[in-house]
Amino acid sequence: MKKFSLIETQIAIKYLKDTFEELLAKKLHLVRVSAPLFVKQSTGLNDNLNGVEETVSFNVQGERIEIVQSLAKWKRFALAKYDFPKDTGLYTDMNAIRKDEVMDNLHSIYVDKWDWEKIIDETQKRKGYLFKTVSQIYSVIYKLANLSEKKWGFIYNLPKKIYKISTTELEKMYPNNSPKEREYLICKEYKAVFIYGIGWPLKNKLPHDGRAADYDDWKLNGDILLFDDAIDSQIELSSMGIRVNKDSLVKQLKYKNELSKLDNPYCQSIMNDKLPLTIGGGIGQSRLCMFYLQKKHIGEVQSSYWSDDVLLEAEKNDIKLL
């Protein structure tokens, strides 16, 4: 197994990112576009994530501006503005700050993703189309794993096909485990898993994980997870899904007692049929590089803030943070 110097790591990161985005764009019929680092607070375009994370914001000429947490909503506006045809879409390099993130070897306050989105119609708003898209994305992950194995001699133990399971089925399998423990157990067994249906409460009255009410349809969304042998843990590589239409938007906002959001420009555009129906998601760039390069800390593949304790611990374990 190859041991990378810091310079070799940087060269390898560029190879992985360039190759992955080229393969992804070809597979999903995507065009690269530029994306904002910040948006107006009043537009409702920022991603609220689980609804509790505080955005980094500042004032410009009397307008409150927020650093993006993701581009889940902005992408639908961009697709409409650029007049993309059906079954095509966009991808972009998304850089964000999530200051409330609990930092560890997989989490950083700096987020770098490929955010992608493509236009579909109501006939494609079904599990079959969601699963087809998941399989297409996974085929890119699998192909890059084969290329990386030949290039560096790593072994990834990825299956040819990704295993798909709903959050309700997963709860039935492991009723006495927490959601994260369930993810670990299912990923340990199948190595590559798509867990779908995230947001609505399960039998235990709690959702598998939190989701904002105004972008994914909670019945048609999910996470792509890989098992990383280097750290003996699952890695959530992508959160994705078919987006809300008028019906699912109102139902989900009502459930979360957030119907007041219907007044913001983003929700109004959905309610007034001014935005196309889309499918999309984000794919973590640093996590992907971490997996392929078999690194043990996300700080080995991205530059971010780390406390003195983390830096000392990394040095003690011969982990070279960028």
C-alpha atoms as a PDB file:
ATOM      1  CA  MET A   1       0.000   0.000   0.000  1.00  0.00           C
ATOM      2  CA  LYS A   2       1.390   3.385  -0.999  1.00  0.00           C
ATOM      3  CA  LYS A   3       2.261   5.910   1.718  1.00  0.00           C
ATOM      4  CA  PHE A   4       1.790   9.452   0.443  1.00  0.00           C
ATOM      5  CA  SER A   5       3.883  12.499   1.252  1.00  0.00           C
ATOM      6  CA  LEU A   6       2.017  15.783   1.664  1.00  0.00           C
ATOM      7  CA  ILE A   7       2.830  16.820  -1.919  1.00  0.00           C
ATOM      8  CA  GLU A   8       1.843  13.392  -3.289  1.00  0.00           C
ATOM      9  CA  THR A   9      -1.408  13.651  -1.349  1.00  0.00           C
ATOM     10  CA  GLN A  10      -2.219  16.965  -3.023  1.00  0.00           C
ATOM     11  CA  ILE A  11      -1.476  15.509  -6.466  1.00  0.00           C
ATOM     12  CA  ALA A  12      -3.644  12.482  -5.710  1.00  0.00           C
ATOM     13  CA  ILE A  13      -6.521  14.706  -4.512  1.00  0.00           C
ATOM     14  CA  LYS A  14      -6.491  16.590  -7.810  1.00  0.00           C
ATOM     15  CA  TYR A  15      -6.529  13.343  -9.790  1.00  0.00           C
ATOM     16  CA  LEU A  16      -9.468  11.987  -7.792  1.00  0.00           C
ATOM     17  CA  LYS A  17     -11.521  15.173  -7.976  1.00  0.00           C
ATOM     18  CA  ASP A  18     -10.890  15.749 -11.690  1.00  0.00           C
ATOM     19  CA  THR A  19     -11.654  12.134 -12.597  1.00  0.00           C
ATOM     20  CA  PHE A  20     -14.733  11.798 -10.418  1.00  0.00           C
ATOM     21  CA  GLU A  21     -16.445  14.974 -11.607  1.00  0.00           C
ATOM     22  CA  GLU A  22     -15.718  14.114 -15.249  1.00  0.00           C
ATOM     23  CA  LEU A  23     -17.252  10.641 -14.838  1.00  0.00           C
ATOM     24  CA  LEU A  24     -20.220  11.973 -12.852  1.00  0.00           C
ATOM     25  CA  ALA A  25     -21.020  14.719 -15.371  1.00  0.00           C
ATOM     26  CA  LYS A  26     -20.988  12.224 -18.245  1.00  0.00           C
ATOM     27  CA  LYS A  27     -23.109   9.635 -16.400  1.00  0.00           C
ATOM     28  CA  LEU A  28     -25.832  12.076 -15.246  1.00  0.00           C
ATOM     29  CA  HIS A  29     -25.681  14.539 -18.196  1.00  0.00           C
ATOM     30  CA  LEU A  30     -24.530  17.472 -16.091  1.00  0.00           C
ATOM     31  CA  VAL A  31     -22.866  20.797 -16.947  1.00  0.00           C
ATOM     32  CA  ARG A  32     -20.572  22.582 -14.499  1.00  0.00           C
ATOM     33  CA  VAL A  33     -21.742  26.012 -13.353  1.00  0.00           C
ATOM     34  CA  SER A  34     -20.480  28.640 -10.917  1.00  0.00           C
ATOM     35  CA  ALA A  35     -22.149  28.822  -7.513  1.00  0.00           C
ATOM     36  CA  PRO A  36     -22.499  31.448  -4.762  1.00  0.00           C
ATOM     37  CA  LEU A  37     -20.628  31.369  -1.487  1.00  0.00           C
ATOM     38  CA  PHE A  38     -23.427  33.387   0.165  1.00  0.00           C
ATOM     39  CA  VAL A  39     -27.114  34.224  -0.376  1.00  0.00           C
ATOM     40  CA  LYS A  40     -29.603  36.786   0.959  1.00  0.00           C
ATOM     41  CA  GLN A  41     -31.266  35.601   4.154  1.00  0.00           C
ATOM     42  CA  SER A  42     -34.650  36.901   2.954  1.00  0.00           C
ATOM     43  CA  THR A  43     -34.756  34.586  -0.080  1.00  0.00           C
ATOM     44  CA  GLY A  44     -35.053  31.386   1.963  1.00  0.00           C
ATOM     45  CA  LEU A  45     -32.458  29.819  -0.350  1.00  0.00           C
ATOM     46  CA  ASN A  46     -30.034  28.684   2.327  1.00  0.00           C
ATOM     47  CA  ASP A  47     -30.174  25.072   3.455  1.00  0.00           C
ATOM     48  CA  ASN A  48     -31.508  24.772   7.009  1.00  0.00           C
ATOM     49  CA  LEU A  49     -30.036  21.260   7.353  1.00  0.00           C
ATOM     50  CA  ASN A  50     -31.601  19.804  10.519  1.00  0.00           C
ATOM     51  CA  GLY A  51     -33.184  23.138  11.399  1.00  0.00           C
ATOM     52  CA  VAL A  52     -31.006  23.887  14.427  1.00  0.00           C
ATOM     53  CA  GLU A  53     -27.659  24.877  12.883  1.00  0.00           C
ATOM     54  CA  GLU A  54     -26.901  28.600  13.001  1.00  0.00           C
ATOM     55  CA  THR A  55     -25.638  30.120   9.768  1.00  0.00           C
ATOM     56  CA  VAL A  56     -22.593  32.370   9.517  1.00  0.00           C
ATOM     57  CA  SER A  57     -23.966  35.735   8.416  1.00  0.00           C
ATOM     58  CA  PHE A  58     -23.082  39.407   7.972  1.00  0.00           C
ATOM     59  CA  ASN A  59     -24.626  42.684   6.787  1.00  0.00           C
ATOM     60  CA  VAL A  60     -24.034  44.275   3.379  1.00  0.00           C
ATOM     61  CA  GLN A  61     -25.731  47.613   2.644  1.00  0.00           C
ATOM     62  CA  GLY A  62     -28.514  46.864   5.114  1.00  0.00           C
ATOM     63  CA  GLU A  63     -29.126  43.339   3.736  1.00  0.00           C
ATOM     64  CA  ARG A  64     -28.462  40.244   5.855  1.00  0.00           C
ATOM     65  CA  ILE A  65     -26.222  37.823   3.936  1.00  0.00           C
ATOM     66  CA  GLU A  66     -25.635  34.167   4.898  1.00  0.00           C
ATOM     67  CA  ILE A  67     -22.735  31.872   4.038  1.00  0.00           C
ATOM     68  CA  VAL A  68     -24.323  28.834   2.399  1.00  0.00           C
ATOM     69  CA  GLN A  69     -24.649  25.563   4.303  1.00  0.00           C
ATOM     70  CA  SER A  70     -25.450  23.785   1.042  1.00  0.00           C
ATOM     71  CA  LEU A  71     -26.984  24.693  -2.321  1.00  0.00           C
ATOM     72  CA  ALA A  72     -29.963  22.324  -2.210  1.00  0.00           C
ATOM     73  CA  LYS A  73     -32.471  25.089  -2.981  1.00  0.00           C
ATOM     74  CA  TRP A  74     -30.344  27.460  -5.060  1.00  0.00           C
ATOM     75  CA  LYS A  75     -29.817  24.761  -7.684  1.00  0.00           C
ATOM     76  CA  ARG A  76     -33.516  24.618  -8.606  1.00  0.00           C
ATOM     77  CA  PHE A  77     -33.499  28.345  -9.305  1.00  0.00           C
ATOM     78  CA  ALA A  78     -30.332  27.991 -11.393  1.00  0.00           C
ATOM     79  CA  LEU A  79     -31.845  25.186 -13.502  1.00  0.00           C
ATOM     80  CA  ALA A  80     -34.869  27.370 -14.264  1.00  0.00           C
ATOM     81  CA  LYS A  81     -32.791  30.485 -14.913  1.00  0.00           C
ATOM     82  CA  TYR A  82     -30.379  28.732 -17.296  1.00  0.00           C
ATOM     83  CA  ASP A  83     -33.255  26.990 -19.100  1.00  0.00           C
ATOM     84  CA  PHE A  84     -31.918  23.446 -18.787  1.00  0.00           C
ATOM     85  CA  PRO A  85     -33.942  20.792 -20.675  1.00  0.00           C
ATOM     86  CA  LYS A  86     -35.462  17.756 -18.942  1.00  0.00           C
ATOM     87  CA  ASP A  87     -33.085  14.915 -17.987  1.00  0.00           C
ATOM     88  CA  THR A  88     -30.090  17.260 -17.910  1.00  0.00           C
ATOM     89  CA  GLY A  89     -28.685  19.308 -15.089  1.00  0.00           C
ATOM     90  CA  LEU A  90     -25.806  21.051 -13.392  1.00  0.00           C
ATOM     91  CA  TYR A  91     -23.063  20.396 -10.902  1.00  0.00           C
ATOM     92  CA  THR A  92     -20.874  22.802  -9.014  1.00  0.00           C
ATOM     93  CA  ASP A  93     -18.080  22.992  -6.479  1.00  0.00           C
ATOM     94  CA  MET A  94     -19.861  23.919  -3.266  1.00  0.00           C
ATOM     95  CA  ASN A  95     -17.856  25.394  -0.385  1.00  0.00           C
ATOM     96  CA  ALA A  96     -19.643  26.042   2.892  1.00  0.00           C
ATOM     97  CA  ILE A  97     -19.121  26.844   6.547  1.00  0.00           C
ATOM     98  CA  ARG A  98     -21.069  24.888   9.167  1.00  0.00           C
ATOM     99  CA  LYS A  99     -19.861  26.420  12.392  1.00  0.00           C
ATOM    100  CA  ASP A 100     -21.983  24.176  14.634  1.00  0.00           C
ATOM    101  CA  GLU A 101     -20.533  20.952  13.228  1.00  0.00           C
ATOM    102  CA  VAL A 102     -19.132  18.659  15.915  1.00  0.00           C
ATOM    103  CA  MET A 103     -15.614  18.120  14.613  1.00  0.00           C
ATOM    104  CA  ASP A 104     -14.028  14.670  14.473  1.00  0.00           C
ATOM    105  CA  ASN A 105     -12.134  12.588  11.926  1.00  0.00           C
ATOM    106  CA  LEU A 106     -15.110  12.730   9.511  1.00  0.00           C
ATOM    107  CA  HIS A 107     -16.539  16.180  10.265  1.00  0.00           C
ATOM    108  CA  SER A 108     -15.141  19.656   9.704  1.00  0.00           C
ATOM    109  CA  ILE A 109     -16.636  23.146   9.897  1.00  0.00           C
ATOM    110  CA  TYR A 110     -15.442  23.549   6.289  1.00  0.00           C
ATOM    111  CA  VAL A 111     -17.585  21.598   3.822  1.00  0.00           C
ATOM    112  CA  ASP A 112     -16.610  20.907   0.224  1.00  0.00           C
ATOM    113  CA  LYS A 113     -19.017  19.008  -2.009  1.00  0.00           C
ATOM    114  CA  TRP A 114     -20.099  18.510  -5.543  1.00  0.00           C
ATOM    115  CA  ASP A 115     -23.657  19.791  -5.486  1.00  0.00           C
ATOM    116  CA  TRP A 116     -25.634  18.485  -8.471  1.00  0.00           C
ATOM    117  CA  GLU A 117     -29.225  18.791  -9.683  1.00  0.00           C
ATOM    118  CA  LYS A 118     -31.163  17.725 -12.787  1.00  0.00           C
ATOM    119  CA  ILE A 119     -34.655  18.322 -14.130  1.00  0.00           C
ATOM    120  CA  ILE A 120     -37.243  15.536 -14.084  1.00  0.00           C
ATOM    121  CA  ASP A 121     -41.037  15.411 -14.403  1.00  0.00           C
ATOM    122  CA  GLU A 122     -43.857  14.022 -12.245  1.00  0.00           C
ATOM    123  CA  THR A 123     -43.731  10.611 -13.993  1.00  0.00           C
ATOM    124  CA  GLN A 124     -40.188  10.171 -12.639  1.00  0.00           C
ATOM    125  CA  LYS A 125     -41.176  11.075  -9.071  1.00  0.00           C
ATOM    126  CA  ARG A 126     -40.949   7.482  -7.860  1.00  0.00           C
ATOM    127  CA  LYS A 127     -38.589   5.092  -6.089  1.00  0.00           C
ATOM    128  CA  GLY A 128     -37.594   3.358  -9.311  1.00  0.00           C
ATOM    129  CA  TYR A 129     -36.111   6.530 -10.753  1.00  0.00           C
ATOM    130  CA  LEU A 130     -34.429   7.401  -7.447  1.00  0.00           C
ATOM    131  CA  PHE A 131     -32.837   3.935  -7.300  1.00  0.00           C
ATOM    132  CA  LYS A 132     -31.708   4.163 -10.937  1.00  0.00           C
ATOM    133  CA  THR A 133     -29.940   7.454 -10.211  1.00  0.00           C
ATOM    134  CA  VAL A 134     -28.323   6.036  -7.061  1.00  0.00           C
ATOM    135  CA  SER A 135     -26.997   3.102  -9.096  1.00  0.00           C
ATOM    136  CA  GLN A 136     -25.601   5.497 -11.715  1.00  0.00           C
ATOM    137  CA  ILE A 137     -23.742   7.487  -9.062  1.00  0.00           C
ATOM    138  CA  TYR A 138     -22.469   4.313  -7.443  1.00  0.00           C
ATOM    139  CA  SER A 139     -21.181   3.046 -10.806  1.00  0.00           C
ATOM    140  CA  VAL A 140     -18.951   6.150 -10.902  1.00  0.00           C
ATOM    141  CA  ILE A 141     -17.737   5.477  -7.341  1.00  0.00           C
ATOM    142  CA  TYR A 142     -17.006   1.860  -8.270  1.00  0.00           C
ATOM    143  CA  LYS A 143     -15.197   2.761 -11.497  1.00  0.00           C
ATOM    144  CA  LEU A 144     -12.951   5.270  -9.734  1.00  0.00           C
ATOM    145  CA  ALA A 145     -12.184   2.611  -7.098  1.00  0.00           C
ATOM    146  CA  ASN A 146     -10.968   0.288  -9.871  1.00  0.00           C
ATOM    147  CA  LEU A 147      -8.833   3.068 -11.370  1.00  0.00           C
ATOM    148  CA  SER A 148      -7.383   3.902  -7.952  1.00  0.00           C
ATOM    149  CA  GLU A 149      -6.616   0.252  -7.189  1.00  0.00           C
ATOM    150  CA  LYS A 150      -4.564   0.032 -10.400  1.00  0.00           C
ATOM    151  CA  LYS A 151      -2.890   3.389  -9.785  1.00  0.00           C
ATOM    152  CA  TRP A 152      -1.945   2.984  -6.109  1.00  0.00           C
ATOM    153  CA  GLY A 153      -2.474  -0.674  -5.183  1.00  0.00           C
ATOM    154  CA  PHE A 154      -5.227  -0.040  -2.635  1.00  0.00           C
ATOM    155  CA  ILE A 155      -7.967  -2.607  -2.037  1.00  0.00           C
ATOM    156  CA  TYR A 156     -11.435  -1.182  -1.344  1.00  0.00           C
ATOM    157  CA  ASN A 157     -13.666  -4.283  -1.105  1.00  0.00           C
ATOM    158  CA  LEU A 158     -16.556  -2.543  -2.839  1.00  0.00           C
ATOM    159  CA  PRO A 159     -19.366  -4.666  -4.321  1.00  0.00           C
ATOM    160  CA  LYS A 160     -20.428  -4.192  -7.956  1.00  0.00           C
ATOM    161  CA  LYS A 161     -23.916  -3.125  -6.871  1.00  0.00           C
ATOM    162  CA  ILE A 162     -25.031  -0.906  -4.003  1.00  0.00           C
ATOM    163  CA  TYR A 163     -27.437  -2.397  -1.454  1.00  0.00           C
ATOM    164  CA  LYS A 164     -30.680  -0.448  -0.928  1.00  0.00           C
ATOM    165  CA  ILE A 165     -32.737  -0.526   2.267  1.00  0.00           C
ATOM    166  CA  SER A 166     -35.404   1.741   3.774  1.00  0.00           C
ATOM    167  CA  THR A 167     -35.131   3.298   7.223  1.00  0.00           C
ATOM    168  CA  THR A 168     -38.201   1.305   8.333  1.00  0.00           C
ATOM    169  CA  GLU A 169     -36.626  -1.985   7.205  1.00  0.00           C
ATOM    170  CA  LEU A 170     -33.386  -1.035   8.906  1.00  0.00           C
ATOM    171  CA  GLU A 171     -35.238  -0.297  12.150  1.00  0.00           C
ATOM    172  CA  LYS A 172     -36.900  -3.726  11.995  1.00  0.00           C
ATOM    173  CA  MET A 173     -33.511  -5.386  11.522  1.00  0.00           C
ATOM    174  CA  TYR A 174     -31.878  -3.569  14.442  1.00  0.00           C
ATOM    175  CA  PRO A 175     -34.707  -2.344  16.733  1.00  0.00           C
ATOM    176  CA  ASN A 176     -32.457  -1.985  19.784  1.00  0.00           C
ATOM    177  CA  ASN A 177     -29.743   0.039  18.069  1.00  0.00           C
ATOM    178  CA  SER A 178     -29.407   3.756  17.407  1.00  0.00           C
ATOM    179  CA  PRO A 179     -29.572   5.008  13.784  1.00  0.00           C
ATOM    180  CA  LYS A 180     -25.781   5.408  13.611  1.00  0.00           C
ATOM    181  CA  GLU A 181     -25.285   1.909  15.021  1.00  0.00           C
ATOM    182  CA  ARG A 182     -27.706   0.567  12.398  1.00  0.00           C
ATOM    183  CA  GLU A 183     -25.743   2.315   9.667  1.00  0.00           C
ATOM    184  CA  TYR A 184     -22.517   0.784  10.951  1.00  0.00           C
ATOM    185  CA  LEU A 185     -23.945  -2.737  11.085  1.00  0.00           C
ATOM    186  CA  ILE A 186     -25.567  -2.673   7.638  1.00  0.00           C
ATOM    187  CA  CYS A 187     -22.517  -1.042   6.030  1.00  0.00           C
ATOM    188  CA  LYS A 188     -20.125  -3.484   7.694  1.00  0.00           C
ATOM    189  CA  GLU A 189     -22.092  -6.291   6.041  1.00  0.00           C
ATOM    190  CA  TYR A 190     -22.768  -4.860   2.562  1.00  0.00           C
ATOM    191  CA  LYS A 191     -19.899  -2.309   2.192  1.00  0.00           C
ATOM    192  CA  ALA A 192     -21.961   0.074   0.007  1.00  0.00           C
ATOM    193  CA  VAL A 193     -25.502   0.979   1.071  1.00  0.00           C
ATOM    194  CA  PHE A 194     -28.248   3.415   0.114  1.00  0.00           C
ATOM    195  CA  ILE A 195     -30.546   4.082   3.078  1.00  0.00           C
ATOM    196  CA  TYR A 196     -33.742   5.741   1.892  1.00  0.00           C
ATOM    197  CA  GLY A 197     -36.804   7.396   3.390  1.00  0.00           C
ATOM    198  CA  ILE A 198     -35.245   9.866   5.841  1.00  0.00           C
ATOM    199  CA  GLY A 199     -37.311  12.484   7.670  1.00  0.00           C
ATOM    200  CA  TRP A 200     -40.629  10.980   8.724  1.00  0.00           C
ATOM    201  CA  PRO A 201     -40.767   9.338  12.184  1.00  0.00           C
ATOM    202  CA  LEU A 202     -40.196   5.598  12.459  1.00  0.00           C
ATOM    203  CA  LYS A 203     -41.907   3.098  14.777  1.00  0.00           C
ATOM    204  CA  ASN A 204     -39.971   4.558  17.720  1.00  0.00           C
ATOM    205  CA  LYS A 205     -41.535   7.995  16.928  1.00  0.00           C
ATOM    206  CA  LEU A 206     -38.185   9.453  15.845  1.00  0.00           C
ATOM    207  CA  PRO A 207     -36.781   9.969  12.336  1.00  0.00           C
ATOM    208  CA  HIS A 208     -33.677   8.066  11.259  1.00  0.00           C
ATOM    209  CA  ASP A 209     -32.007  11.467  10.862  1.00  0.00           C
ATOM    210  CA  GLY A 210     -33.051  15.109  10.602  1.00  0.00           C
ATOM    211  CA  ARG A 211     -33.940  16.653   7.248  1.00  0.00           C
ATOM    212  CA  ALA A 212     -35.094  20.122   6.271  1.00  0.00           C
ATOM    213  CA  ALA A 213     -38.773  20.093   5.334  1.00  0.00           C
ATOM    214  CA  ASP A 214     -38.529  22.209   2.199  1.00  0.00           C
ATOM    215  CA  TYR A 215     -36.197  20.490  -0.252  1.00  0.00           C
ATOM    216  CA  ASP A 216     -36.187  16.646  -0.228  1.00  0.00           C
ATOM    217  CA  ASP A 217     -39.366  14.598  -0.402  1.00  0.00           C
ATOM    218  CA  TRP A 218     -38.825  12.458   2.698  1.00  0.00           C
ATOM    219  CA  LYS A 219     -40.289   9.390   0.984  1.00  0.00           C
ATOM    220  CA  LEU A 220     -37.913   9.740  -1.980  1.00  0.00           C
ATOM    221  CA  ASN A 221     -34.573  10.666  -0.465  1.00  0.00           C
ATOM    222  CA  GLY A 222     -31.643   8.924   1.157  1.00  0.00           C
ATOM    223  CA  ASP A 223     -27.928   8.638   1.906  1.00  0.00           C
ATOM    224  CA  ILE A 224     -25.171   6.762   0.090  1.00  0.00           C
ATOM    225  CA  LEU A 225     -22.800   5.205   2.616  1.00  0.00           C
ATOM    226  CA  LEU A 226     -19.546   3.286   2.149  1.00  0.00           C
ATOM    227  CA  PHE A 227     -17.754   1.206   4.754  1.00  0.00           C
ATOM    228  CA  ASP A 228     -14.206   2.432   5.262  1.00  0.00           C
ATOM    229  CA  ASP A 229     -11.938  -0.355   6.523  1.00  0.00           C
ATOM    230  CA  ALA A 230      -9.157   2.144   7.272  1.00  0.00           C
ATOM    231  CA  ILE A 231     -11.204   3.686  10.093  1.00  0.00           C
ATOM    232  CA  ASP A 232     -13.636   0.780  10.740  1.00  0.00           C
ATOM    233  CA  SER A 233     -16.606   3.066  10.165  1.00  0.00           C
ATOM    234  CA  GLN A 234     -19.284   3.968   7.683  1.00  0.00           C
ATOM    235  CA  ILE A 235     -18.817   7.161   5.667  1.00  0.00           C
ATOM    236  CA  GLU A 236     -21.868   9.111   4.518  1.00  0.00           C
ATOM    237  CA  LEU A 237     -20.664  10.121   1.088  1.00  0.00           C
ATOM    238  CA  SER A 238     -23.859  11.615  -0.312  1.00  0.00           C
ATOM    239  CA  SER A 239     -27.256  12.899   0.757  1.00  0.00           C
ATOM    240  CA  MET A 240     -29.678  13.120  -2.152  1.00  0.00           C
ATOM    241  CA  GLY A 241     -33.275  12.823  -3.269  1.00  0.00           C
ATOM    242  CA  ILE A 242     -36.183  13.858  -5.424  1.00  0.00           C
ATOM    243  CA  ARG A 243     -37.240  17.339  -4.361  1.00  0.00           C
ATOM    244  CA  VAL A 244     -40.540  18.472  -2.888  1.00  0.00           C
ATOM    245  CA  ASN A 245     -43.531  19.399  -4.998  1.00  0.00           C
ATOM    246  CA  LYS A 246     -46.441  21.451  -3.665  1.00  0.00           C
ATOM    247  CA  ASP A 247     -48.077  18.537  -1.831  1.00  0.00           C
ATOM    248  CA  SER A 248     -44.984  17.159  -0.097  1.00  0.00           C
ATOM    249  CA  LEU A 249     -43.760  20.670   0.751  1.00  0.00           C
ATOM    250  CA  VAL A 250     -46.948  21.543   2.641  1.00  0.00           C
ATOM    251  CA  LYS A 251     -47.133  18.150   4.405  1.00  0.00           C
ATOM    252  CA  GLN A 252     -43.566  18.316   5.622  1.00  0.00           C
ATOM    253  CA  LEU A 253     -43.711  21.954   6.702  1.00  0.00           C
ATOM    254  CA  LYS A 254     -46.916  21.214   8.587  1.00  0.00           C
ATOM    255  CA  TYR A 255     -45.307  18.278  10.373  1.00  0.00           C
ATOM    256  CA  LYS A 256     -42.396  20.461  11.519  1.00  0.00           C
ATOM    257  CA  ASN A 257     -44.648  23.425  12.423  1.00  0.00           C
ATOM    258  CA  GLU A 258     -42.915  25.566   9.799  1.00  0.00           C
ATOM    259  CA  LEU A 259     -45.821  26.620   7.590  1.00  0.00           C
ATOM    260  CA  SER A 260     -44.658  30.231   7.942  1.00  0.00           C
ATOM    261  CA  LYS A 261     -41.886  29.347   5.464  1.00  0.00           C
ATOM    262  CA  LEU A 262     -44.513  29.152   2.733  1.00  0.00           C
ATOM    263  CA  ASP A 263     -44.269  32.947   2.544  1.00  0.00           C
ATOM    264  CA  ASN A 264     -40.602  33.047   1.524  1.00  0.00           C
ATOM    265  CA  PRO A 265     -39.719  33.460  -2.182  1.00  0.00           C
ATOM    266  CA  TYR A 266     -38.344  29.927  -2.555  1.00  0.00           C
ATOM    267  CA  CYS A 267     -41.471  28.190  -1.246  1.00  0.00           C
ATOM    268  CA  GLN A 268     -43.712  30.591  -3.143  1.00  0.00           C
ATOM    269  CA  SER A 269     -41.921  29.641  -6.355  1.00  0.00           C
ATOM    270  CA  ILE A 270     -42.725  25.972  -5.729  1.00  0.00           C
ATOM    271  CA  MET A 271     -46.350  26.683  -4.801  1.00  0.00           C
ATOM    272  CA  ASN A 272     -46.816  28.803  -7.943  1.00  0.00           C
ATOM    273  CA  ASP A 273     -45.162  26.260 -10.294  1.00  0.00           C
ATOM    274  CA  LYS A 274     -42.262  28.571 -11.116  1.00  0.00           C
ATOM    275  CA  LEU A 275     -39.559  25.989 -10.390  1.00  0.00           C
ATOM    276  CA  PRO A 276     -39.005  22.670 -12.185  1.00  0.00           C
ATOM    277  CA  LEU A 277     -39.251  19.368 -10.359  1.00  0.00           C
ATOM    278  CA  THR A 278     -35.740  18.079  -9.784  1.00  0.00           C
ATOM    279  CA  ILE A 279     -33.570  15.373  -8.296  1.00  0.00           C
ATOM    280  CA  GLY A 280     -30.247  16.240  -6.753  1.00  0.00           C
ATOM    281  CA  GLY A 281     -27.800  15.948  -3.927  1.00  0.00           C
ATOM    282  CA  GLY A 282     -24.345  16.596  -2.616  1.00  0.00           C
ATOM    283  CA  ILE A 283     -21.262  14.374  -2.747  1.00  0.00           C
ATOM    284  CA  GLY A 284     -18.521  15.050  -0.216  1.00  0.00           C
ATOM    285  CA  GLN A 285     -15.234  15.803  -1.956  1.00  0.00           C
ATOM    286  CA  SER A 286     -12.961  15.464   1.075  1.00  0.00           C
ATOM    287  CA  ARG A 287     -14.729  12.330   2.293  1.00  0.00           C
ATOM    288  CA  LEU A 288     -14.414  10.769  -1.144  1.00  0.00           C
ATOM    289  CA  CYS A 289     -10.675  11.546  -1.225  1.00  0.00           C
ATOM    290  CA  MET A 290     -10.285  10.301   2.339  1.00  0.00           C
ATOM    291  CA  PHE A 291     -11.883   6.980   1.368  1.00  0.00           C
ATOM    292  CA  TYR A 292      -9.854   6.426  -1.810  1.00  0.00           C
ATOM    293  CA  LEU A 293      -6.550   7.459  -0.232  1.00  0.00           C
ATOM    294  CA  GLN A 294      -7.326   5.421   2.910  1.00  0.00           C
ATOM    295  CA  LYS A 295      -6.716   8.346   5.233  1.00  0.00           C
ATOM    296  CA  LYS A 296      -7.823   8.265   8.855  1.00  0.00           C
ATOM    297  CA  HIS A 297      -8.727  11.948   9.280  1.00  0.00           C
ATOM    298  CA  ILE A 298     -10.536  14.369   6.984  1.00  0.00           C
ATOM    299  CA  GLY A 299      -7.864  16.952   7.851  1.00  0.00           C
ATOM    300  CA  GLU A 300      -5.425  14.858   5.799  1.00  0.00           C
ATOM    301  CA  VAL A 301      -7.278  15.842   2.605  1.00  0.00           C
ATOM    302  CA  GLN A 302      -8.573  19.362   3.383  1.00  0.00           C
ATOM    303  CA  SER A 303      -7.329  22.485   5.126  1.00  0.00           C
ATOM    304  CA  SER A 304      -9.584  23.521   7.997  1.00  0.00           C
ATOM    305  CA  TYR A 305      -9.591  24.670  11.619  1.00  0.00           C
ATOM    306  CA  TRP A 306      -8.537  22.133  14.253  1.00  0.00           C
ATOM    307  CA  SER A 307      -8.076  22.644  17.974  1.00  0.00           C
ATOM    308  CA  ASP A 308      -4.648  22.262  19.580  1.00  0.00           C
ATOM    309  CA  ASP A 309      -5.803  18.976  21.135  1.00  0.00           C
ATOM    310  CA  VAL A 310      -6.685  17.547  17.717  1.00  0.00           C
ATOM    311  CA  LEU A 311      -3.366  18.701  16.264  1.00  0.00           C
ATOM    312  CA  LEU A 312      -1.406  17.111  19.112  1.00  0.00           C
ATOM    313  CA  GLU A 313      -3.359  13.864  18.858  1.00  0.00           C
ATOM    314  CA  ALA A 314      -2.769  13.719  15.106  1.00  0.00           C
ATOM    315  CA  GLU A 315       0.957  14.299  15.572  1.00  0.00           C
ATOM    316  CA  LYS A 316       1.085  11.571  18.212  1.00  0.00           C
ATOM    317  CA  ASN A 317      -0.504   9.107  15.771  1.00  0.00           C
ATOM    318  CA  ASP A 318       1.664  10.183  12.813  1.00  0.00           C
ATOM    319  CA  ILE A 319      -1.337  11.705  11.005  1.00  0.00           C
ATOM    320  CA  LYS A 320      -0.264  14.630   8.831  1.00  0.00           C
ATOM    321  CA  LEU A 321      -3.015  17.243   8.687  1.00  0.00           C
ATOM    322  CA  LEU A 322      -2.948  19.763   5.847  1.00  0.00           C
END
